Amino acid sequence: MNLSYLARTSLNRCPACGKGRVLKNLFYRHEHCGECGFEFNREHGFFIGGIPVSYGLICGLWVVPLLVMWFLKWMPTDWFVGLCLGGAFGWPIVSYRYCQSLWLGLYFCFAEDEMPEKHRGK
């Protein structure tokens, strides 16, 4: 398992070369790396894997901290419900493309043999 692929994509860099950008902006993803030409699309429906990554981030970075604050009585119930609903609907819209980038990195961490030979182990 090579965690450098995940580290690169977490910084919005190409998993193969680490130089080109995966995301154009918050809502659009490049089809291939501008530096090395590596194609980001693996197969039809590949980036659906970004959904569980987004779900994990929502739970870990949004819902769990809110639950802790609510259980410790640091936040009233109406604020808790409002923030949970706002995060549940807002976070996926804002973070989905970034989660696709993270999914790309996770994929190559566990399936390094899918990385073209010229980029493997860099």
C-alpha atoms as a PDB file:
ATOM      1  CA  MET A   1       0.000   0.000   0.000  1.00  0.00           C
ATOM      2  CA  ASN A   2       1.479   3.302  -1.132  1.00  0.00           C
ATOM      3  CA  LEU A   3       0.010   6.222   0.859  1.00  0.00           C
ATOM      4  CA  SER A   4       1.752   8.791  -1.327  1.00  0.00           C
ATOM      5  CA  TYR A   5      -1.146   8.547  -3.810  1.00  0.00           C
ATOM      6  CA  LEU A   6      -3.615   9.565  -1.091  1.00  0.00           C
ATOM      7  CA  ALA A   7      -1.294  12.313   0.154  1.00  0.00           C
ATOM      8  CA  ARG A   8      -1.031  13.760  -3.356  1.00  0.00           C
ATOM      9  CA  THR A   9      -4.757  13.727  -4.040  1.00  0.00           C
ATOM     10  CA  SER A  10      -5.528  15.221  -0.621  1.00  0.00           C
ATOM     11  CA  LEU A  11      -3.500  18.220  -1.822  1.00  0.00           C
ATOM     12  CA  ASN A  12      -5.428  18.235  -5.148  1.00  0.00           C
ATOM     13  CA  ARG A  13      -2.471  16.852  -7.068  1.00  0.00           C
ATOM     14  CA  CYS A  14      -2.252  14.094  -9.650  1.00  0.00           C
ATOM     15  CA  PRO A  15      -1.781  10.709  -7.951  1.00  0.00           C
ATOM     16  CA  ALA A  16       0.738   9.676 -10.607  1.00  0.00           C
ATOM     17  CA  CYS A  17       3.140  12.621 -10.836  1.00  0.00           C
ATOM     18  CA  GLY A  18       2.095  14.832  -7.914  1.00  0.00           C
ATOM     19  CA  LYS A  19       2.326  17.994 -10.047  1.00  0.00           C
ATOM     20  CA  GLY A  20      -0.874  18.452 -12.052  1.00  0.00           C
ATOM     21  CA  ARG A  21      -4.178  19.356 -10.456  1.00  0.00           C
ATOM     22  CA  VAL A  22      -7.120  16.944 -10.189  1.00  0.00           C
ATOM     23  CA  LEU A  23      -9.769  19.626  -9.607  1.00  0.00           C
ATOM     24  CA  LYS A  24     -10.286  22.709 -11.751  1.00  0.00           C
ATOM     25  CA  ASN A  25     -12.315  24.365  -8.989  1.00  0.00           C
ATOM     26  CA  LEU A  26     -14.887  23.496  -6.339  1.00  0.00           C
ATOM     27  CA  PHE A  27     -17.346  22.010  -8.848  1.00  0.00           C
ATOM     28  CA  TYR A  28     -15.274  20.673 -11.769  1.00  0.00           C
ATOM     29  CA  ARG A  29     -12.640  17.971 -12.166  1.00  0.00           C
ATOM     30  CA  HIS A  30     -10.025  17.671 -14.912  1.00  0.00           C
ATOM     31  CA  GLU A  31     -10.285  14.577 -17.105  1.00  0.00           C
ATOM     32  CA  HIS A  32      -6.504  14.096 -17.192  1.00  0.00           C
ATOM     33  CA  CYS A  33      -3.356  15.549 -15.645  1.00  0.00           C
ATOM     34  CA  GLY A  34      -2.050  18.679 -17.329  1.00  0.00           C
ATOM     35  CA  GLU A  35       1.555  17.700 -16.497  1.00  0.00           C
ATOM     36  CA  CYS A  36       1.888  13.981 -17.244  1.00  0.00           C
ATOM     37  CA  GLY A  37      -1.328  13.271 -19.168  1.00  0.00           C
ATOM     38  CA  PHE A  38      -2.533  10.638 -16.680  1.00  0.00           C
ATOM     39  CA  GLU A  39      -6.247   9.985 -17.195  1.00  0.00           C
ATOM     40  CA  PHE A  40      -8.230  10.310 -13.966  1.00  0.00           C
ATOM     41  CA  ASN A  41     -11.348   8.470 -15.149  1.00  0.00           C
ATOM     42  CA  ARG A  42     -10.921   4.745 -14.561  1.00  0.00           C
ATOM     43  CA  GLU A  43     -14.275   3.434 -15.813  1.00  0.00           C
ATOM     44  CA  HIS A  44     -17.891   4.509 -16.077  1.00  0.00           C
ATOM     45  CA  GLY A  45     -19.244   5.224 -12.580  1.00  0.00           C
ATOM     46  CA  PHE A  46     -15.817   5.122 -10.929  1.00  0.00           C
ATOM     47  CA  PHE A  47     -16.241   8.389  -9.056  1.00  0.00           C
ATOM     48  CA  ILE A  48     -19.411   7.188  -7.306  1.00  0.00           C
ATOM     49  CA  GLY A  49     -16.844   5.996  -4.758  1.00  0.00           C
ATOM     50  CA  GLY A  50     -16.589   9.636  -3.684  1.00  0.00           C
ATOM     51  CA  ILE A  51     -20.009   9.290  -2.028  1.00  0.00           C
ATOM     52  CA  PRO A  52     -18.869   7.064   0.881  1.00  0.00           C
ATOM     53  CA  VAL A  53     -15.801   9.269   1.308  1.00  0.00           C
ATOM     54  CA  SER A  54     -18.094  12.291   1.564  1.00  0.00           C
ATOM     55  CA  TYR A  55     -20.331  10.426   4.021  1.00  0.00           C
ATOM     56  CA  GLY A  56     -17.338   9.548   6.191  1.00  0.00           C
ATOM     57  CA  LEU A  57     -16.162  13.150   6.229  1.00  0.00           C
ATOM     58  CA  ILE A  58     -19.663  14.402   7.084  1.00  0.00           C
ATOM     59  CA  CYS A  59     -19.911  11.975  10.000  1.00  0.00           C
ATOM     60  CA  GLY A  60     -16.367  12.475  11.245  1.00  0.00           C
ATOM     61  CA  LEU A  61     -15.988  16.211  10.819  1.00  0.00           C
ATOM     62  CA  TRP A  62     -19.549  17.461  11.216  1.00  0.00           C
ATOM     63  CA  VAL A  63     -22.069  15.146  12.883  1.00  0.00           C
ATOM     64  CA  VAL A  64     -19.875  13.559  15.568  1.00  0.00           C
ATOM     65  CA  PRO A  65     -18.548  16.906  16.881  1.00  0.00           C
ATOM     66  CA  LEU A  66     -22.102  18.282  16.899  1.00  0.00           C
ATOM     67  CA  LEU A  67     -23.328  15.224  18.802  1.00  0.00           C
ATOM     68  CA  VAL A  68     -20.579  15.653  21.380  1.00  0.00           C
ATOM     69  CA  MET A  69     -21.453  19.321  21.851  1.00  0.00           C
ATOM     70  CA  TRP A  70     -25.156  18.461  22.159  1.00  0.00           C
ATOM     71  CA  PHE A  71     -24.585  15.652  24.685  1.00  0.00           C
ATOM     72  CA  LEU A  72     -22.370  17.935  26.762  1.00  0.00           C
ATOM     73  CA  LYS A  73     -25.162  20.551  26.669  1.00  0.00           C
ATOM     74  CA  TRP A  74     -22.937  23.091  24.905  1.00  0.00           C
ATOM     75  CA  MET A  75     -25.591  23.567  22.229  1.00  0.00           C
ATOM     76  CA  PRO A  76     -29.396  23.838  22.346  1.00  0.00           C
ATOM     77  CA  THR A  77     -31.437  21.201  20.498  1.00  0.00           C
ATOM     78  CA  ASP A  78     -32.814  23.584  17.868  1.00  0.00           C
ATOM     79  CA  TRP A  79     -29.277  24.669  16.924  1.00  0.00           C
ATOM     80  CA  PHE A  80     -28.177  21.043  16.855  1.00  0.00           C
ATOM     81  CA  VAL A  81     -30.969  19.985  14.477  1.00  0.00           C
ATOM     82  CA  GLY A  82     -30.470  23.026  12.258  1.00  0.00           C
ATOM     83  CA  LEU A  83     -26.717  22.558  11.979  1.00  0.00           C
ATOM     84  CA  CYS A  84     -27.077  18.816  11.340  1.00  0.00           C
ATOM     85  CA  LEU A  85     -29.575  19.400   8.542  1.00  0.00           C
ATOM     86  CA  GLY A  86     -27.564  22.280   7.102  1.00  0.00           C
ATOM     87  CA  GLY A  87     -24.390  20.210   7.100  1.00  0.00           C
ATOM     88  CA  ALA A  88     -26.142  17.131   5.728  1.00  0.00           C
ATOM     89  CA  PHE A  89     -27.374  19.083   2.715  1.00  0.00           C
ATOM     90  CA  GLY A  90     -24.620  21.687   2.314  1.00  0.00           C
ATOM     91  CA  TRP A  91     -21.449  19.674   2.922  1.00  0.00           C
ATOM     92  CA  PRO A  92     -21.973  17.123   0.095  1.00  0.00           C
ATOM     93  CA  ILE A  93     -22.622  19.875  -2.427  1.00  0.00           C
ATOM     94  CA  VAL A  94     -19.461  21.735  -1.482  1.00  0.00           C
ATOM     95  CA  SER A  95     -17.169  18.740  -0.948  1.00  0.00           C
ATOM     96  CA  TYR A  96     -18.234  16.153  -3.538  1.00  0.00           C
ATOM     97  CA  ARG A  97     -15.528  16.929  -6.110  1.00  0.00           C
ATOM     98  CA  TYR A  98     -12.838  16.990  -3.423  1.00  0.00           C
ATOM     99  CA  CYS A  99     -14.127  13.634  -2.176  1.00  0.00           C
ATOM    100  CA  GLN A 100     -13.793  12.312  -5.724  1.00  0.00           C
ATOM    101  CA  SER A 101     -10.158  13.362  -5.625  1.00  0.00           C
ATOM    102  CA  LEU A 102      -9.687  11.568  -2.293  1.00  0.00           C
ATOM    103  CA  TRP A 103     -11.407   8.484  -3.730  1.00  0.00           C
ATOM    104  CA  LEU A 104      -8.922   8.493  -6.608  1.00  0.00           C
ATOM    105  CA  GLY A 105      -6.043   8.503  -4.131  1.00  0.00           C
ATOM    106  CA  LEU A 106      -7.609   5.782  -1.974  1.00  0.00           C
ATOM    107  CA  TYR A 107      -8.174   3.638  -5.041  1.00  0.00           C
ATOM    108  CA  PHE A 108      -4.511   3.699  -6.000  1.00  0.00           C
ATOM    109  CA  CYS A 109      -3.403   3.115  -2.400  1.00  0.00           C
ATOM    110  CA  PHE A 110      -5.136  -0.253  -2.446  1.00  0.00           C
ATOM    111  CA  ALA A 111      -4.872  -1.053  -6.167  1.00  0.00           C
ATOM    112  CA  GLU A 112      -1.366   0.138  -6.968  1.00  0.00           C
ATOM    113  CA  ASP A 113      -1.120  -2.457  -9.731  1.00  0.00           C
ATOM    114  CA  GLU A 114      -3.743  -0.391 -11.623  1.00  0.00           C
ATOM    115  CA  MET A 115      -1.306   2.527 -11.794  1.00  0.00           C
ATOM    116  CA  PRO A 116       0.533   2.558 -15.131  1.00  0.00           C
ATOM    117  CA  GLU A 117       4.035   1.115 -14.816  1.00  0.00           C
ATOM    118  CA  LYS A 118       5.796   4.408 -15.652  1.00  0.00           C
ATOM    119  CA  HIS A 119       4.110   6.134 -12.674  1.00  0.00           C
ATOM    120  CA  ARG A 120       4.235   3.287 -10.140  1.00  0.00           C
ATOM    121  CA  GLY A 121       6.332   3.778  -7.038  1.00  0.00           C
ATOM    122  CA  LYS A 122       7.076   7.472  -7.632  1.00  0.00           C
END
